[in-house]
Amino acid sequence: MEDLRAANPAYDAAITFIRMDWGTYGTSDYARSLGVQRRSTLILMRGDDILGTVVADTRRDSIRALMDLALA
Protein backbone atom coordinates (compact mmCIF):
# COMPACT_ATOMS: atom_id res chain seq x y z
CA MET A 1 0.00 0.00 0.00
CA GLU A 2 2.83 2.39 0.82
CA ASP A 3 4.29 2.10 -2.68
CA LEU A 4 0.88 2.80 -4.23
CA ARG A 5 0.50 5.87 -2.03
CA ALA A 6 3.97 7.09 -2.98
CA ALA A 7 3.27 6.58 -6.69
CA ASN A 8 -0.05 8.47 -6.60
CA PRO A 9 -0.28 11.47 -4.23
CA ALA A 10 -4.01 11.72 -5.00
CA TYR A 11 -4.58 8.79 -2.64
CA ASP A 12 -3.23 10.71 0.34
CA ALA A 13 -5.22 13.78 -0.72
CA ALA A 14 -8.49 11.81 -0.89
CA ILE A 15 -8.06 9.18 1.83
CA THR A 16 -7.48 9.34 5.57
CA PHE A 17 -5.58 6.16 6.39
CA ILE A 18 -6.23 4.66 9.83
CA ARG A 19 -4.29 1.60 10.93
CA MET A 20 -5.93 -0.52 13.62
CA ASP A 21 -4.11 -3.27 15.47
CA TRP A 22 -6.00 -6.57 15.25
CA GLY A 23 -4.67 -7.72 18.63
CA THR A 24 -6.17 -4.66 20.30
CA TYR A 25 -9.30 -3.97 18.24
CA GLY A 26 -10.03 -7.17 16.31
CA THR A 27 -12.84 -8.25 18.60
CA SER A 28 -14.20 -4.77 19.30
CA ASP A 29 -17.82 -3.83 18.70
CA TYR A 30 -16.70 -1.44 15.97
CA ALA A 31 -14.73 -4.11 14.11
CA ARG A 32 -17.72 -6.45 14.36
CA SER A 33 -20.08 -3.74 13.11
CA LEU A 34 -17.89 -3.38 10.01
CA GLY A 35 -17.83 -7.13 9.45
CA VAL A 36 -14.10 -7.51 10.12
CA GLN A 37 -13.47 -11.18 10.78
CA ARG A 38 -9.73 -11.48 10.35
CA ARG A 39 -6.42 -9.70 10.09
CA SER A 40 -5.42 -8.09 6.83
CA THR A 41 -8.74 -6.41 6.18
CA LEU A 42 -8.83 -3.11 4.30
CA ILE A 43 -12.05 -1.11 4.39
CA LEU A 44 -12.72 2.01 2.34
CA MET A 45 -15.43 4.23 3.75
CA ARG A 46 -17.02 7.53 2.84
CA GLY A 47 -18.71 8.81 5.95
CA ASP A 48 -20.55 5.84 7.43
CA ASP A 49 -20.85 4.03 4.09
CA ILE A 50 -18.52 1.17 3.17
CA LEU A 51 -17.41 1.63 -0.44
CA GLY A 52 -15.37 -1.55 -0.63
CA THR A 53 -13.23 -4.06 1.22
CA VAL A 54 -10.20 -6.22 0.56
CA VAL A 55 -9.67 -9.21 2.85
CA ALA A 56 -6.40 -11.18 3.03
CA ASP A 57 -5.46 -10.10 -0.48
CA THR A 58 -2.01 -8.62 -0.96
CA ARG A 59 -2.21 -8.26 -4.73
CA ARG A 60 -1.32 -4.78 -5.85
CA ASP A 61 -4.19 -4.73 -8.36
CA SER A 62 -6.78 -5.50 -5.67
CA ILE A 63 -5.50 -2.84 -3.29
CA ARG A 64 -5.18 -0.26 -6.08
CA ALA A 65 -8.76 -0.96 -7.21
CA LEU A 66 -10.00 -0.37 -3.67
CA MET A 67 -8.05 2.87 -3.31
CA ASP A 68 -9.23 4.04 -6.73
CA LEU A 69 -12.81 3.94 -5.43
CA ALA A 70 -11.91 6.90 -3.23
CA LEU A 71 -10.89 8.90 -6.28
CA ALA A 72 -14.15 8.30 -8.13
PDB file of N, CA and C in Angstrom:
ATOM      1  N   MET A   1       0.820  -1.176   0.000  1.00  0.00           N
ATOM      2  CA  MET A   1       0.000   0.000   0.000  1.00  0.00           C
ATOM      3  C   MET A   1       0.873   1.252   0.000  1.00  0.00           C
ATOM      4  N   GLU A   2       1.966   1.218   0.734  1.00  0.00           N
ATOM      5  CA  GLU A   2       2.829   2.392   0.815  1.00  0.00           C
ATOM      6  C   GLU A   2       3.381   2.775  -0.554  1.00  0.00           C
ATOM      7  N   ASP A   3       3.753   1.787  -1.360  1.00  0.00           N
ATOM      8  CA  ASP A   3       4.290   2.102  -2.684  1.00  0.00           C
ATOM      9  C   ASP A   3       3.211   2.680  -3.598  1.00  0.00           C
ATOM     10  N   LEU A   4       1.985   2.220  -3.455  1.00  0.00           N
ATOM     11  CA  LEU A   4       0.882   2.795  -4.230  1.00  0.00           C
ATOM     12  C   LEU A   4       0.636   4.243  -3.819  1.00  0.00           C
ATOM     13  N   ARG A   5       0.695   4.506  -2.530  1.00  0.00           N
ATOM     14  CA  ARG A   5       0.504   5.868  -2.033  1.00  0.00           C
ATOM     15  C   ARG A   5       1.614   6.784  -2.528  1.00  0.00           C
ATOM     16  N   ALA A   6       2.838   6.285  -2.522  1.00  0.00           N
ATOM     17  CA  ALA A   6       3.971   7.091  -2.980  1.00  0.00           C
ATOM     18  C   ALA A   6       3.871   7.380  -4.479  1.00  0.00           C
ATOM     19  N   ALA A   7       3.364   6.426  -5.237  1.00  0.00           N
ATOM     20  CA  ALA A   7       3.266   6.582  -6.687  1.00  0.00           C
ATOM     21  C   ALA A   7       2.115   7.497  -7.107  1.00  0.00           C
ATOM     22  N   ASN A   8       1.110   7.652  -6.246  1.00  0.00           N
ATOM     23  CA  ASN A   8      -0.051   8.467  -6.600  1.00  0.00           C
ATOM     24  C   ASN A   8      -0.461   9.334  -5.411  1.00  0.00           C
ATOM     25  N   PRO A   9       0.042  10.573  -5.345  1.00  0.00           N
ATOM     26  CA  PRO A   9      -0.278  11.466  -4.229  1.00  0.00           C
ATOM     27  C   PRO A   9      -1.775  11.746  -4.072  1.00  0.00           C
ATOM     28  N   ALA A  10      -2.562  11.497  -5.103  1.00  0.00           N
ATOM     29  CA  ALA A  10      -4.011  11.722  -5.001  1.00  0.00           C
ATOM     30  C   ALA A  10      -4.632  10.838  -3.932  1.00  0.00           C
ATOM     31  N   TYR A  11      -4.047   9.667  -3.690  1.00  0.00           N
ATOM     32  CA  TYR A  11      -4.581   8.792  -2.639  1.00  0.00           C
ATOM     33  C   TYR A  11      -4.520   9.479  -1.278  1.00  0.00           C
ATOM     34  N   ASP A  12      -3.364  10.054  -0.956  1.00  0.00           N
ATOM     35  CA  ASP A  12      -3.231  10.714   0.344  1.00  0.00           C
ATOM     36  C   ASP A  12      -4.095  11.969   0.431  1.00  0.00           C
ATOM     37  N   ALA A  13      -4.353  12.603  -0.710  1.00  0.00           N
ATOM     38  CA  ALA A  13      -5.215  13.781  -0.715  1.00  0.00           C
ATOM     39  C   ALA A  13      -6.680  13.404  -0.490  1.00  0.00           C
ATOM     40  N   ALA A  14      -7.078  12.214  -0.943  1.00  0.00           N
ATOM     41  CA  ALA A  14      -8.487  11.814  -0.890  1.00  0.00           C
ATOM     42  C   ALA A  14      -8.830  10.878   0.260  1.00  0.00           C
ATOM     43  N   ILE A  15      -7.809  10.235   0.851  1.00  0.00           N
ATOM     44  CA  ILE A  15      -8.064   9.179   1.833  1.00  0.00           C
ATOM     45  C   ILE A  15      -7.368   9.494   3.147  1.00  0.00           C
ATOM     46  N   THR A  16      -8.087   9.332   4.244  1.00  0.00           N
ATOM     47  CA  THR A  16      -7.478   9.342   5.571  1.00  0.00           C
ATOM     48  C   THR A  16      -7.219   7.892   5.930  1.00  0.00           C
ATOM     49  N   PHE A  17      -5.953   7.540   6.089  1.00  0.00           N
ATOM     50  CA  PHE A  17      -5.582   6.160   6.387  1.00  0.00           C
ATOM     51  C   PHE A  17      -5.521   5.977   7.898  1.00  0.00           C
ATOM     52  N   ILE A  18      -6.220   4.982   8.397  1.00  0.00           N
ATOM     53  CA  ILE A  18      -6.227   4.662   9.826  1.00  0.00           C
ATOM     54  C   ILE A  18      -5.816   3.207   9.964  1.00  0.00           C
ATOM     55  N   ARG A  19      -4.775   2.966  10.726  1.00  0.00           N
ATOM     56  CA  ARG A  19      -4.295   1.602  10.929  1.00  0.00           C
ATOM     57  C   ARG A  19      -4.747   1.146  12.318  1.00  0.00           C
ATOM     58  N   MET A  20      -5.456   0.030  12.351  1.00  0.00           N
ATOM     59  CA  MET A  20      -5.934  -0.519  13.621  1.00  0.00           C
ATOM     60  C   MET A  20      -5.246  -1.848  13.881  1.00  0.00           C
ATOM     61  N   ASP A  21      -4.787  -2.038  15.080  1.00  0.00           N
ATOM     62  CA  ASP A  21      -4.113  -3.274  15.467  1.00  0.00           C
ATOM     63  C   ASP A  21      -5.148  -4.352  15.774  1.00  0.00           C
ATOM     64  N   TRP A  22      -5.049  -5.477  15.066  1.00  0.00           N
ATOM     65  CA  TRP A  22      -5.996  -6.574  15.254  1.00  0.00           C
ATOM     66  C   TRP A  22      -5.963  -7.089  16.688  1.00  0.00           C
ATOM     67  N   GLY A  23      -4.791  -7.206  17.266  1.00  0.00           N
ATOM     68  CA  GLY A  23      -4.668  -7.719  18.626  1.00  0.00           C
ATOM     69  C   GLY A  23      -5.417  -6.871  19.638  1.00  0.00           C
ATOM     70  N   THR A  24      -5.486  -5.582  19.389  1.00  0.00           N
ATOM     71  CA  THR A  24      -6.170  -4.664  20.298  1.00  0.00           C
ATOM     72  C   THR A  24      -7.644  -4.494  19.943  1.00  0.00           C
ATOM     73  N   TYR A  25      -7.944  -4.349  18.665  1.00  0.00           N
ATOM     74  CA  TYR A  25      -9.295  -3.967  18.241  1.00  0.00           C
ATOM     75  C   TYR A  25     -10.054  -5.028  17.448  1.00  0.00           C
ATOM     76  N   GLY A  26      -9.429  -6.152  17.171  1.00  0.00           N
ATOM     77  CA  GLY A  26     -10.034  -7.167  16.310  1.00  0.00           C
ATOM     78  C   GLY A  26     -11.369  -7.698  16.784  1.00  0.00           C
ATOM     79  N   THR A  27     -11.571  -7.740  18.077  1.00  0.00           N
ATOM     80  CA  THR A  27     -12.839  -8.254  18.601  1.00  0.00           C
ATOM     81  C   THR A  27     -13.735  -7.139  19.148  1.00  0.00           C
ATOM     82  N   SER A  28     -13.411  -5.899  18.795  1.00  0.00           N
ATOM     83  CA  SER A  28     -14.197  -4.769  19.302  1.00  0.00           C
ATOM     84  C   SER A  28     -15.573  -4.710  18.631  1.00  0.00           C
ATOM     85  N   ASP A  29     -16.485  -4.018  19.274  1.00  0.00           N
ATOM     86  CA  ASP A  29     -17.823  -3.832  18.701  1.00  0.00           C
ATOM     87  C   ASP A  29     -17.738  -3.137  17.344  1.00  0.00           C
ATOM     88  N   TYR A  30     -16.829  -2.174  17.230  1.00  0.00           N
ATOM     89  CA  TYR A  30     -16.696  -1.441  15.970  1.00  0.00           C
ATOM     90  C   TYR A  30     -16.225  -2.358  14.846  1.00  0.00           C
ATOM     91  N   ALA A  31     -15.217  -3.166  15.118  1.00  0.00           N
ATOM     92  CA  ALA A  31     -14.727  -4.113  14.106  1.00  0.00           C
ATOM     93  C   ALA A  31     -15.844  -5.072  13.701  1.00  0.00           C
ATOM     94  N   ARG A  32     -16.596  -5.550  14.667  1.00  0.00           N
ATOM     95  CA  ARG A  32     -17.715  -6.449  14.359  1.00  0.00           C
ATOM     96  C   ARG A  32     -18.781  -5.740  13.530  1.00  0.00           C
ATOM     97  N   SER A  33     -19.046  -4.469  13.849  1.00  0.00           N
ATOM     98  CA  SER A  33     -20.079  -3.737  13.108  1.00  0.00           C
ATOM     99  C   SER A  33     -19.680  -3.522  11.646  1.00  0.00           C
ATOM    100  N   LEU A  34     -18.375  -3.528  11.379  1.00  0.00           N
ATOM    101  CA  LEU A  34     -17.887  -3.383  10.007  1.00  0.00           C
ATOM    102  C   LEU A  34     -17.729  -4.724   9.304  1.00  0.00           C
ATOM    103  N   GLY A  35     -17.944  -5.798  10.034  1.00  0.00           N
ATOM    104  CA  GLY A  35     -17.830  -7.129   9.452  1.00  0.00           C
ATOM    105  C   GLY A  35     -16.407  -7.650   9.363  1.00  0.00           C
ATOM    106  N   VAL A  36     -15.501  -7.063  10.130  1.00  0.00           N
ATOM    107  CA  VAL A  36     -14.104  -7.507  10.115  1.00  0.00           C
ATOM    108  C   VAL A  36     -14.010  -8.826  10.863  1.00  0.00           C
ATOM    109  N   GLN A  37     -13.556  -9.860  10.168  1.00  0.00           N
ATOM    110  CA  GLN A  37     -13.474 -11.184  10.778  1.00  0.00           C
ATOM    111  C   GLN A  37     -12.056 -11.699  10.896  1.00  0.00           C
ATOM    112  N   ARG A  38     -11.108 -10.998  10.305  1.00  0.00           N
ATOM    113  CA  ARG A  38      -9.728 -11.483  10.353  1.00  0.00           C
ATOM    114  C   ARG A  38      -8.751 -10.339  10.119  1.00  0.00           C
ATOM    115  N   ARG A  39      -7.495 -10.657  10.376  1.00  0.00           N
ATOM    116  CA  ARG A  39      -6.422  -9.704  10.089  1.00  0.00           C
ATOM    117  C   ARG A  39      -6.410  -9.399   8.597  1.00  0.00           C
ATOM    118  N   SER A  40      -5.621  -8.428   8.243  1.00  0.00           N
ATOM    119  CA  SER A  40      -5.417  -8.087   6.827  1.00  0.00           C
ATOM    120  C   SER A  40      -6.712  -7.719   6.121  1.00  0.00           C
ATOM    121  N   THR A  41      -7.503  -6.898   6.771  1.00  0.00           N
ATOM    122  CA  THR A  41      -8.744  -6.409   6.184  1.00  0.00           C
ATOM    123  C   THR A  41      -8.605  -4.917   5.917  1.00  0.00           C
ATOM    124  N   LEU A  42      -8.830  -4.523   4.679  1.00  0.00           N
ATOM    125  CA  LEU A  42      -8.835  -3.112   4.305  1.00  0.00           C
ATOM    126  C   LEU A  42     -10.272  -2.715   4.022  1.00  0.00           C
ATOM    127  N   ILE A  43     -10.685  -1.594   4.581  1.00  0.00           N
ATOM    128  CA  ILE A  43     -12.050  -1.107   4.390  1.00  0.00           C
ATOM    129  C   ILE A  43     -11.968   0.333   3.916  1.00  0.00           C
ATOM    130  N   LEU A  44     -12.642   0.636   2.834  1.00  0.00           N
ATOM    131  CA  LEU A  44     -12.718   2.006   2.343  1.00  0.00           C
ATOM    132  C   LEU A  44     -14.108   2.531   2.648  1.00  0.00           C
ATOM    133  N   MET A  45     -14.155   3.653   3.359  1.00  0.00           N
ATOM    134  CA  MET A  45     -15.434   4.230   3.755  1.00  0.00           C
ATOM    135  C   MET A  45     -15.519   5.678   3.296  1.00  0.00           C
ATOM    136  N   ARG A  46     -16.730   6.110   3.038  1.00  0.00           N
ATOM    137  CA  ARG A  46     -17.019   7.528   2.840  1.00  0.00           C
ATOM    138  C   ARG A  46     -18.127   7.836   3.831  1.00  0.00           C
ATOM    139  N   GLY A  47     -17.770   8.599   4.858  1.00  0.00           N
ATOM    140  CA  GLY A  47     -18.710   8.812   5.948  1.00  0.00           C
ATOM    141  C   GLY A  47     -18.953   7.489   6.649  1.00  0.00           C
ATOM    142  N   ASP A  48     -20.197   7.110   6.799  1.00  0.00           N
ATOM    143  CA  ASP A  48     -20.546   5.835   7.427  1.00  0.00           C
ATOM    144  C   ASP A  48     -20.748   4.712   6.415  1.00  0.00           C
ATOM    145  N   ASP A  49     -20.603   5.020   5.144  1.00  0.00           N
ATOM    146  CA  ASP A  49     -20.851   4.031   4.089  1.00  0.00           C
ATOM    147  C   ASP A  49     -19.574   3.295   3.702  1.00  0.00           C
ATOM    148  N   ILE A  50     -19.645   1.982   3.629  1.00  0.00           N
ATOM    149  CA  ILE A  50     -18.518   1.172   3.168  1.00  0.00           C
ATOM    150  C   ILE A  50     -18.564   1.137   1.645  1.00  0.00           C
ATOM    151  N   LEU A  51     -17.492   1.616   1.022  1.00  0.00           N
ATOM    152  CA  LEU A  51     -17.408   1.628  -0.438  1.00  0.00           C
ATOM    153  C   LEU A  51     -16.824   0.338  -0.982  1.00  0.00           C
ATOM    154  N   GLY A  52     -15.979  -0.311  -0.184  1.00  0.00           N
ATOM    155  CA  GLY A  52     -15.368  -1.553  -0.627  1.00  0.00           C
ATOM    156  C   GLY A  52     -14.459  -2.126   0.435  1.00  0.00           C
ATOM    157  N   THR A  53     -14.144  -3.388   0.294  1.00  0.00           N
ATOM    158  CA  THR A  53     -13.232  -4.063   1.219  1.00  0.00           C
ATOM    159  C   THR A  53     -12.298  -4.980   0.439  1.00  0.00           C
ATOM    160  N   VAL A  54     -11.153  -5.227   1.037  1.00  0.00           N
ATOM    161  CA  VAL A  54     -10.202  -6.221   0.555  1.00  0.00           C
ATOM    162  C   VAL A  54      -9.810  -7.034   1.779  1.00  0.00           C
ATOM    163  N   VAL A  55      -9.963  -8.348   1.708  1.00  0.00           N
ATOM    164  CA  VAL A  55      -9.669  -9.213   2.847  1.00  0.00           C
ATOM    165  C   VAL A  55      -8.600 -10.225   2.457  1.00  0.00           C
ATOM    166  N   ALA A  56      -7.497 -10.207   3.198  1.00  0.00           N
ATOM    167  CA  ALA A  56      -6.404 -11.180   3.030  1.00  0.00           C
ATOM    168  C   ALA A  56      -5.925 -11.267   1.584  1.00  0.00           C
ATOM    169  N   ASP A  57      -5.891 -10.141   0.917  1.00  0.00           N
ATOM    170  CA  ASP A  57      -5.460 -10.096  -0.484  1.00  0.00           C
ATOM    171  C   ASP A  57      -4.342  -9.069  -0.587  1.00  0.00           C
ATOM    172  N   THR A  58      -3.153  -9.520  -0.887  1.00  0.00           N
ATOM    173  CA  THR A  58      -2.007  -8.616  -0.955  1.00  0.00           C
ATOM    174  C   THR A  58      -1.658  -8.222  -2.388  1.00  0.00           C
ATOM    175  N   ARG A  59      -2.500  -8.618  -3.333  1.00  0.00           N
ATOM    176  CA  ARG A  59      -2.214  -8.265  -4.728  1.00  0.00           C
ATOM    177  C   ARG A  59      -2.364  -6.762  -4.936  1.00  0.00           C
ATOM    178  N   ARG A  60      -1.364  -6.213  -5.571  1.00  0.00           N
ATOM    179  CA  ARG A  60      -1.322  -4.784  -5.850  1.00  0.00           C
ATOM    180  C   ARG A  60      -2.576  -4.319  -6.599  1.00  0.00           C
ATOM    181  N   ASP A  61      -3.012  -5.099  -7.565  1.00  0.00           N
ATOM    182  CA  ASP A  61      -4.192  -4.728  -8.360  1.00  0.00           C
ATOM    183  C   ASP A  61      -5.442  -4.604  -7.494  1.00  0.00           C
ATOM    184  N   SER A  62      -5.600  -5.511  -6.547  1.00  0.00           N
ATOM    185  CA  SER A  62      -6.782  -5.495  -5.670  1.00  0.00           C
ATOM    186  C   SER A  62      -6.771  -4.275  -4.764  1.00  0.00           C
ATOM    187  N   ILE A  63      -5.610  -3.979  -4.204  1.00  0.00           N
ATOM    188  CA  ILE A  63      -5.498  -2.835  -3.293  1.00  0.00           C
ATOM    189  C   ILE A  63      -5.654  -1.533  -4.075  1.00  0.00           C
ATOM    190  N   ARG A  64      -5.046  -1.454  -5.248  1.00  0.00           N
ATOM    191  CA  ARG A  64      -5.181  -0.256  -6.085  1.00  0.00           C
ATOM    192  C   ARG A  64      -6.648  -0.036  -6.462  1.00  0.00           C
ATOM    193  N   ALA A  65      -7.351  -1.088  -6.834  1.00  0.00           N
ATOM    194  CA  ALA A  65      -8.763  -0.957  -7.212  1.00  0.00           C
ATOM    195  C   ALA A  65      -9.589  -0.413  -6.048  1.00  0.00           C
ATOM    196  N   LEU A  66      -9.292  -0.877  -4.844  1.00  0.00           N
ATOM    197  CA  LEU A  66     -10.002  -0.367  -3.666  1.00  0.00           C
ATOM    198  C   LEU A  66      -9.704   1.112  -3.470  1.00  0.00           C
ATOM    199  N   MET A  67      -8.431   1.475  -3.520  1.00  0.00           N
ATOM    200  CA  MET A  67      -8.053   2.869  -3.306  1.00  0.00           C
ATOM    201  C   MET A  67      -8.588   3.775  -4.414  1.00  0.00           C
ATOM    202  N   ASP A  68      -8.685   3.252  -5.624  1.00  0.00           N
ATOM    203  CA  ASP A  68      -9.230   4.043  -6.732  1.00  0.00           C
ATOM    204  C   ASP A  68     -10.695   4.410  -6.513  1.00  0.00           C
ATOM    205  N   LEU A  69     -11.415   3.602  -5.744  1.00  0.00           N
ATOM    206  CA  LEU A  69     -12.812   3.935  -5.434  1.00  0.00           C
ATOM    207  C   LEU A  69     -12.912   5.282  -4.723  1.00  0.00           C
ATOM    208  N   ALA A  70     -11.900   5.630  -3.949  1.00  0.00           N
ATOM    209  CA  ALA A  70     -11.913   6.901  -3.225  1.00  0.00           C
ATOM    210  C   ALA A  70     -11.730   8.083  -4.169  1.00  0.00           C
ATOM    211  N   LEU A  71     -11.145   7.823  -5.322  1.00  0.00           N
ATOM    212  CA  LEU A  71     -10.895   8.901  -6.277  1.00  0.00           C
ATOM    213  C   LEU A  71     -12.069   9.129  -7.221  1.00  0.00           C
ATOM    214  N   ALA A  72     -13.007   8.202  -7.206  1.00  0.00           N
ATOM    215  CA  ALA A  72     -14.154   8.303  -8.134  1.00  0.00           C
ATOM    216  C   ALA A  72     -15.176   9.313  -7.646  1.00  0.00           C
TER     217      ALA A  72
END
